[in-house]
Amino acid sequence: MSYYKKHIFLCIHQRDDGKECCNDKSSSEIFDYAKKKCISMKIQRKGGIRVNKAGCLDRCTEGPVMVIYPDNVWYSYKNKEDIDEIIQSHLVENKEVKRLKI
């Protein structure tokens, strides 16, 4: 059995060269929000979900982005409401959020 059922990786990369990146679009703040939300819902735990920071996921122009493993589902999100929908639908109800998939 895997230690976690699902891992969520949110790109928080900040480029030094001025090129577009996820952190330009508030991904660090969204990461903090997503982690706290999963902890408060008691789904971030052994056998459950783990919210992780990621360096560059190399999809900068589609960002901010996240990927959920082992599902291999990629999302682009704009705000906390999108994160709430991904958490509730994908992580709790096991239904992909098609409108946010990339």
C-alpha atoms as a PDB file:
ATOM      1  CA  MET A   1       0.000   0.000   0.000  1.00  0.00           C
ATOM      2  CA  SER A   2       1.245   3.469  -0.871  1.00  0.00           C
ATOM      3  CA  TYR A   3       1.950   5.841   2.012  1.00  0.00           C
ATOM      4  CA  TYR A   4      -0.360   8.406   0.378  1.00  0.00           C
ATOM      5  CA  LYS A   5      -3.270   7.675  -1.914  1.00  0.00           C
ATOM      6  CA  LYS A   6      -2.664  10.817  -3.980  1.00  0.00           C
ATOM      7  CA  HIS A   7       0.050  13.459  -4.240  1.00  0.00           C
ATOM      8  CA  ILE A   8      -0.740  16.981  -5.425  1.00  0.00           C
ATOM      9  CA  PHE A   9       2.194  18.952  -6.779  1.00  0.00           C
ATOM     10  CA  LEU A  10       1.688  22.691  -7.248  1.00  0.00           C
ATOM     11  CA  CYS A  11       4.364  24.537  -9.193  1.00  0.00           C
ATOM     12  CA  ILE A  12       5.682  27.494  -7.217  1.00  0.00           C
ATOM     13  CA  HIS A  13       8.701  28.136  -9.437  1.00  0.00           C
ATOM     14  CA  GLN A  14      10.026  31.679  -9.776  1.00  0.00           C
ATOM     15  CA  ARG A  15      12.183  32.331 -12.851  1.00  0.00           C
ATOM     16  CA  ASP A  16      15.129  34.673 -12.481  1.00  0.00           C
ATOM     17  CA  ASP A  17      15.247  35.547 -16.173  1.00  0.00           C
ATOM     18  CA  GLY A  18      11.918  37.394 -16.235  1.00  0.00           C
ATOM     19  CA  LYS A  19      10.145  34.756 -18.318  1.00  0.00           C
ATOM     20  CA  GLU A  20       6.590  33.789 -17.437  1.00  0.00           C
ATOM     21  CA  CYS A  21       6.264  31.415 -14.487  1.00  0.00           C
ATOM     22  CA  CYS A  22       3.651  30.045 -12.111  1.00  0.00           C
ATOM     23  CA  ASN A  23       4.794  32.064  -9.111  1.00  0.00           C
ATOM     24  CA  ASP A  24       4.038  35.272 -11.042  1.00  0.00           C
ATOM     25  CA  LYS A  25       0.400  34.153 -10.802  1.00  0.00           C
ATOM     26  CA  SER A  26       0.247  33.739  -6.986  1.00  0.00           C
ATOM     27  CA  SER A  27       1.010  30.011  -6.946  1.00  0.00           C
ATOM     28  CA  SER A  28       2.890  30.219  -3.610  1.00  0.00           C
ATOM     29  CA  GLU A  29      -0.141  31.739  -1.896  1.00  0.00           C
ATOM     30  CA  ILE A  30      -2.435  29.189  -3.533  1.00  0.00           C
ATOM     31  CA  PHE A  31      -0.126  26.369  -2.389  1.00  0.00           C
ATOM     32  CA  ASP A  32      -0.424  27.591   1.223  1.00  0.00           C
ATOM     33  CA  TYR A  33      -4.197  27.800   0.847  1.00  0.00           C
ATOM     34  CA  ALA A  34      -4.518  24.296  -0.668  1.00  0.00           C
ATOM     35  CA  LYS A  35      -2.343  22.712   2.015  1.00  0.00           C
ATOM     36  CA  LYS A  36      -4.243  24.390   4.872  1.00  0.00           C
ATOM     37  CA  LYS A  37      -7.564  23.457   3.276  1.00  0.00           C
ATOM     38  CA  CYS A  38      -6.616  19.768   2.981  1.00  0.00           C
ATOM     39  CA  ILE A  39      -5.318  19.755   6.569  1.00  0.00           C
ATOM     40  CA  SER A  40      -8.513  21.382   7.864  1.00  0.00           C
ATOM     41  CA  MET A  41     -10.597  18.828   5.953  1.00  0.00           C
ATOM     42  CA  LYS A  42      -8.454  16.089   7.515  1.00  0.00           C
ATOM     43  CA  ILE A  43      -7.669  14.599   4.114  1.00  0.00           C
ATOM     44  CA  GLN A  44      -3.950  15.389   4.267  1.00  0.00           C
ATOM     45  CA  ARG A  45      -2.739  12.359   6.214  1.00  0.00           C
ATOM     46  CA  LYS A  46      -1.145   8.947   5.870  1.00  0.00           C
ATOM     47  CA  GLY A  47      -3.274   6.903   3.494  1.00  0.00           C
ATOM     48  CA  GLY A  48      -4.888  10.087   2.184  1.00  0.00           C
ATOM     49  CA  ILE A  49      -3.671  13.138   0.329  1.00  0.00           C
ATOM     50  CA  ARG A  50      -0.327  14.957   0.393  1.00  0.00           C
ATOM     51  CA  VAL A  51       0.005  18.522  -0.916  1.00  0.00           C
ATOM     52  CA  ASN A  52       3.557  19.253  -2.115  1.00  0.00           C
ATOM     53  CA  LYS A  53       5.474  22.171  -3.594  1.00  0.00           C
ATOM     54  CA  ALA A  54       7.023  21.575  -6.981  1.00  0.00           C
ATOM     55  CA  GLY A  55       9.734  23.367  -8.855  1.00  0.00           C
ATOM     56  CA  CYS A  56       9.211  24.065 -12.527  1.00  0.00           C
ATOM     57  CA  LEU A  57       6.764  21.624 -14.113  1.00  0.00           C
ATOM     58  CA  ASP A  58       7.630  23.104 -17.531  1.00  0.00           C
ATOM     59  CA  ARG A  59       4.118  24.232 -18.440  1.00  0.00           C
ATOM     60  CA  CYS A  60       4.704  27.879 -17.562  1.00  0.00           C
ATOM     61  CA  THR A  61       2.461  29.418 -20.211  1.00  0.00           C
ATOM     62  CA  GLU A  62      -0.474  27.315 -19.004  1.00  0.00           C
ATOM     63  CA  GLY A  63       0.087  28.236 -15.372  1.00  0.00           C
ATOM     64  CA  PRO A  64      -0.311  28.266 -12.635  1.00  0.00           C
ATOM     65  CA  VAL A  65      -0.381  24.484 -12.834  1.00  0.00           C
ATOM     66  CA  MET A  66      -0.694  21.451 -10.627  1.00  0.00           C
ATOM     67  CA  VAL A  67      -0.520  17.721 -11.237  1.00  0.00           C
ATOM     68  CA  ILE A  68      -2.158  14.959  -9.218  1.00  0.00           C
ATOM     69  CA  TYR A  69      -0.488  11.557  -9.009  1.00  0.00           C
ATOM     70  CA  PRO A  70      -0.975   8.671  -9.481  1.00  0.00           C
ATOM     71  CA  ASP A  71      -3.872   9.943 -11.608  1.00  0.00           C
ATOM     72  CA  ASN A  72      -1.540  11.911 -13.907  1.00  0.00           C
ATOM     73  CA  VAL A  73      -4.133  14.680 -14.177  1.00  0.00           C
ATOM     74  CA  TRP A  74      -2.901  18.212 -14.850  1.00  0.00           C
ATOM     75  CA  TYR A  75      -4.871  21.318 -13.930  1.00  0.00           C
ATOM     76  CA  SER A  76      -4.515  25.023 -14.491  1.00  0.00           C
ATOM     77  CA  TYR A  77      -6.288  27.191 -11.942  1.00  0.00           C
ATOM     78  CA  LYS A  78      -6.943  30.886 -11.455  1.00  0.00           C
ATOM     79  CA  ASN A  79      -8.042  31.309  -7.840  1.00  0.00           C
ATOM     80  CA  LYS A  80      -9.004  29.716  -4.522  1.00  0.00           C
ATOM     81  CA  GLU A  81     -12.444  28.813  -5.857  1.00  0.00           C
ATOM     82  CA  ASP A  82     -10.811  26.652  -8.550  1.00  0.00           C
ATOM     83  CA  ILE A  83      -8.676  24.983  -5.863  1.00  0.00           C
ATOM     84  CA  ASP A  84     -11.778  24.350  -3.738  1.00  0.00           C
ATOM     85  CA  GLU A  85     -13.459  22.716  -6.738  1.00  0.00           C
ATOM     86  CA  ILE A  86     -10.425  20.523  -7.476  1.00  0.00           C
ATOM     87  CA  ILE A  87     -10.149  19.443  -3.837  1.00  0.00           C
ATOM     88  CA  GLN A  88     -13.851  18.658  -3.479  1.00  0.00           C
ATOM     89  CA  SER A  89     -14.427  17.091  -6.871  1.00  0.00           C
ATOM     90  CA  HIS A  90     -11.155  15.322  -7.674  1.00  0.00           C
ATOM     91  CA  LEU A  91      -9.793  14.492  -4.230  1.00  0.00           C
ATOM     92  CA  VAL A  92     -12.971  13.905  -2.232  1.00  0.00           C
ATOM     93  CA  GLU A  93     -15.453  12.720  -4.889  1.00  0.00           C
ATOM     94  CA  ASN A  94     -12.849  11.220  -7.273  1.00  0.00           C
ATOM     95  CA  LYS A  95     -14.267  13.148 -10.273  1.00  0.00           C
ATOM     96  CA  GLU A  96     -11.979  15.104 -12.591  1.00  0.00           C
ATOM     97  CA  VAL A  97     -12.729  18.794 -13.112  1.00  0.00           C
ATOM     98  CA  LYS A  98     -12.813  18.813 -16.892  1.00  0.00           C
ATOM     99  CA  ARG A  99     -13.002  22.595 -17.315  1.00  0.00           C
ATOM    100  CA  LEU A 100      -9.657  23.048 -15.513  1.00  0.00           C
ATOM    101  CA  LYS A 101      -7.748  20.141 -17.090  1.00  0.00           C
ATOM    102  CA  ILE A 102      -4.815  20.812 -19.365  1.00  0.00           C
END
